[in-house]
């Protein structure tokens, strides 16, 4: 009877571990997307530091 209980506890622990890993992945992905969106909202004029006078093709 103890073998069945040990197997059940192992399955519960694995399930909890997978849930924790899944929540962590969702949190990290959400943070990454939020940071990328914030970076895209920066006006391009603040990123441009120099404009070359002679561009290729002109």
N, C-alpha and C. Protein backbone atom coordinates (compact mmCIF):
# COMPACT_ATOMS: atom_id res chain seq x y z
N UNK A 1 0.82 -1.20 0.00
CA UNK A 1 0.00 0.00 0.00
C UNK A 1 0.87 1.26 0.00
N UNK A 2 2.02 1.22 0.63
CA UNK A 2 2.89 2.38 0.66
C UNK A 2 3.44 2.70 -0.72
N UNK A 3 3.61 1.68 -1.57
CA UNK A 3 4.12 1.93 -2.93
C UNK A 3 3.13 2.78 -3.72
N UNK A 4 1.85 2.51 -3.57
CA UNK A 4 0.84 3.29 -4.29
C UNK A 4 0.83 4.74 -3.81
N UNK A 5 0.99 4.94 -2.53
CA UNK A 5 1.01 6.30 -2.00
C UNK A 5 2.24 7.05 -2.48
N UNK A 6 3.39 6.36 -2.52
CA UNK A 6 4.61 7.00 -2.98
C UNK A 6 4.48 7.40 -4.44
N UNK A 7 3.90 6.56 -5.26
CA UNK A 7 3.68 6.88 -6.67
C UNK A 7 2.77 8.08 -6.83
N UNK A 8 1.75 8.16 -6.01
CA UNK A 8 0.80 9.28 -6.08
C UNK A 8 1.49 10.58 -5.66
N UNK A 9 2.30 10.51 -4.63
CA UNK A 9 3.02 11.70 -4.17
C UNK A 9 4.00 12.16 -5.24
N UNK A 10 4.68 11.24 -5.88
CA UNK A 10 5.61 11.60 -6.96
C UNK A 10 4.88 12.30 -8.09
N UNK A 11 3.72 11.80 -8.47
CA UNK A 11 2.96 12.43 -9.55
C UNK A 11 2.51 13.82 -9.16
N UNK A 12 2.11 13.99 -7.91
CA UNK A 12 1.69 15.32 -7.43
C UNK A 12 2.87 16.28 -7.46
N UNK A 13 4.04 15.82 -7.01
CA UNK A 13 5.22 16.68 -7.01
C UNK A 13 5.64 17.08 -8.42
N UNK A 14 5.59 16.14 -9.34
CA UNK A 14 5.93 16.44 -10.73
C UNK A 14 4.93 17.43 -11.32
N UNK A 15 3.65 17.25 -11.02
CA UNK A 15 2.62 18.17 -11.50
C UNK A 15 2.85 19.57 -10.94
N UNK A 16 3.15 19.67 -9.66
CA UNK A 16 3.42 20.98 -9.06
C UNK A 16 4.65 21.63 -9.68
N UNK A 17 5.68 20.83 -9.94
CA UNK A 17 6.89 21.36 -10.57
C UNK A 17 6.58 21.89 -11.97
N UNK A 18 5.80 21.15 -12.74
CA UNK A 18 5.44 21.60 -14.08
C UNK A 18 4.60 22.88 -14.03
N UNK A 19 3.72 22.99 -13.06
CA UNK A 19 2.91 24.21 -12.91
C UNK A 19 3.80 25.40 -12.59
N UNK A 20 4.75 25.21 -11.67
CA UNK A 20 5.67 26.29 -11.30
C UNK A 20 6.51 26.71 -12.49
N UNK A 21 7.02 25.75 -13.25
CA UNK A 21 7.83 26.06 -14.43
C UNK A 21 6.97 26.79 -15.46
N UNK A 22 5.74 26.34 -15.67
CA UNK A 22 4.84 26.98 -16.63
C UNK A 22 4.54 28.42 -16.25
N UNK A 23 4.26 28.66 -14.99
CA UNK A 23 3.98 30.03 -14.53
C UNK A 23 5.23 30.89 -14.70
N UNK A 24 6.40 30.35 -14.41
CA UNK A 24 7.64 31.10 -14.60
C UNK A 24 7.87 31.46 -16.05
N UNK A 25 7.60 30.52 -16.96
CA UNK A 25 7.79 30.79 -18.39
C UNK A 25 6.83 31.88 -18.84
N UNK A 26 5.57 31.82 -18.41
CA UNK A 26 4.60 32.85 -18.78
C UNK A 26 5.02 34.21 -18.24
N UNK A 27 5.50 34.25 -17.01
CA UNK A 27 5.94 35.51 -16.40
C UNK A 27 7.13 36.10 -17.17
N UNK A 28 8.11 35.27 -17.49
CA UNK A 28 9.29 35.74 -18.22
C UNK A 28 8.90 36.21 -19.62
N UNK A 29 8.04 35.47 -20.31
CA UNK A 29 7.59 35.85 -21.65
C UNK A 29 6.84 37.17 -21.61
N UNK A 30 5.98 37.34 -20.61
CA UNK A 30 5.21 38.58 -20.48
C UNK A 30 6.15 39.76 -20.23
N UNK A 31 7.14 39.59 -19.39
CA UNK A 31 8.11 40.65 -19.10
C UNK A 31 8.90 41.00 -20.36
N UNK A 32 9.30 40.00 -21.11
CA UNK A 32 10.08 40.21 -22.33
C UNK A 32 9.25 41.00 -23.36
N UNK A 33 7.99 40.60 -23.55
CA UNK A 33 7.11 41.29 -24.51
C UNK A 33 6.87 42.73 -24.06
N UNK A 34 6.65 42.94 -22.77
CA UNK A 34 6.41 44.29 -22.26
C UNK A 34 7.62 45.17 -22.50
N UNK A 35 8.82 44.66 -22.25
CA UNK A 35 10.03 45.45 -22.46
C UNK A 35 10.23 45.76 -23.93
N UNK A 36 9.96 44.81 -24.81
CA UNK A 36 10.10 45.06 -26.25
C UNK A 36 9.10 46.11 -26.72
N UNK A 37 7.88 46.04 -26.20
CA UNK A 37 6.86 47.03 -26.58
C UNK A 37 7.26 48.42 -26.11
N UNK A 38 7.79 48.52 -24.91
CA UNK A 38 8.24 49.81 -24.39
C UNK A 38 9.38 50.36 -25.23
N UNK A 39 10.30 49.51 -25.66
CA UNK A 39 11.41 49.95 -26.50
C UNK A 39 10.91 50.46 -27.85
N UNK A 40 9.86 49.84 -28.38
CA UNK A 40 9.32 50.26 -29.68
C UNK A 40 8.58 51.58 -29.59
N UNK A 41 8.11 51.95 -28.40
CA UNK A 41 7.36 53.19 -28.24
C UNK A 41 8.27 54.42 -28.16
N UNK A 42 9.57 54.23 -28.04
CA UNK A 42 10.50 55.35 -27.98
C UNK A 42 10.51 56.03 -29.35
N UNK A 43 10.38 57.34 -29.39
CA UNK A 43 10.40 58.02 -30.68
C UNK A 43 11.72 57.80 -31.40
N UNK A 44 11.68 57.61 -32.71
CA UNK A 44 12.91 57.32 -33.44
C UNK A 44 13.90 58.49 -33.42
N UNK A 45 13.42 59.70 -33.22
CA UNK A 45 14.33 60.85 -33.21
C UNK A 45 15.29 60.79 -32.03
N UNK A 46 14.86 60.16 -30.95
CA UNK A 46 15.77 60.07 -29.81
C UNK A 46 16.84 59.01 -30.02
N UNK A 47 16.62 58.10 -30.97
CA UNK A 47 17.60 57.06 -31.26
C UNK A 47 18.60 57.49 -32.34
N UNK A 48 18.20 58.41 -33.22
CA UNK A 48 19.07 58.82 -34.31
C UNK A 48 20.06 59.84 -33.77
N UNK A 49 21.35 59.54 -33.95
CA UNK A 49 22.37 60.46 -33.44
C UNK A 49 23.07 61.21 -34.56
N UNK A 50 23.09 60.66 -35.75
CA UNK A 50 23.76 61.35 -36.85
C UNK A 50 23.10 60.94 -38.17
N UNK A 51 23.05 61.89 -39.08
CA UNK A 51 22.52 61.62 -40.41
C UNK A 51 23.64 61.89 -41.39
N UNK A 52 24.04 60.89 -42.17
CA UNK A 52 25.12 61.13 -43.13
C UNK A 52 24.65 62.05 -44.25
N UNK A 53 25.53 62.96 -44.68
CA UNK A 53 25.20 63.91 -45.75
C UNK A 53 25.16 63.22 -47.10
N UNK A 54 26.05 62.28 -47.34
CA UNK A 54 26.12 61.61 -48.63
C UNK A 54 25.61 60.19 -48.47
N UNK A 55 24.42 59.93 -48.98
CA UNK A 55 23.86 58.59 -48.89
C UNK A 55 24.12 57.85 -50.19
N UNK A 56 24.32 56.56 -50.14
CA UNK A 56 24.55 55.79 -51.35
C UNK A 56 23.35 55.87 -52.30
N UNK A 57 23.63 56.01 -53.58
CA UNK A 57 22.57 56.05 -54.57
C UNK A 57 22.16 57.45 -54.96
N UNK A 58 22.64 58.46 -54.28
CA UNK A 58 22.28 59.86 -54.62
C UNK A 58 23.41 60.58 -55.28
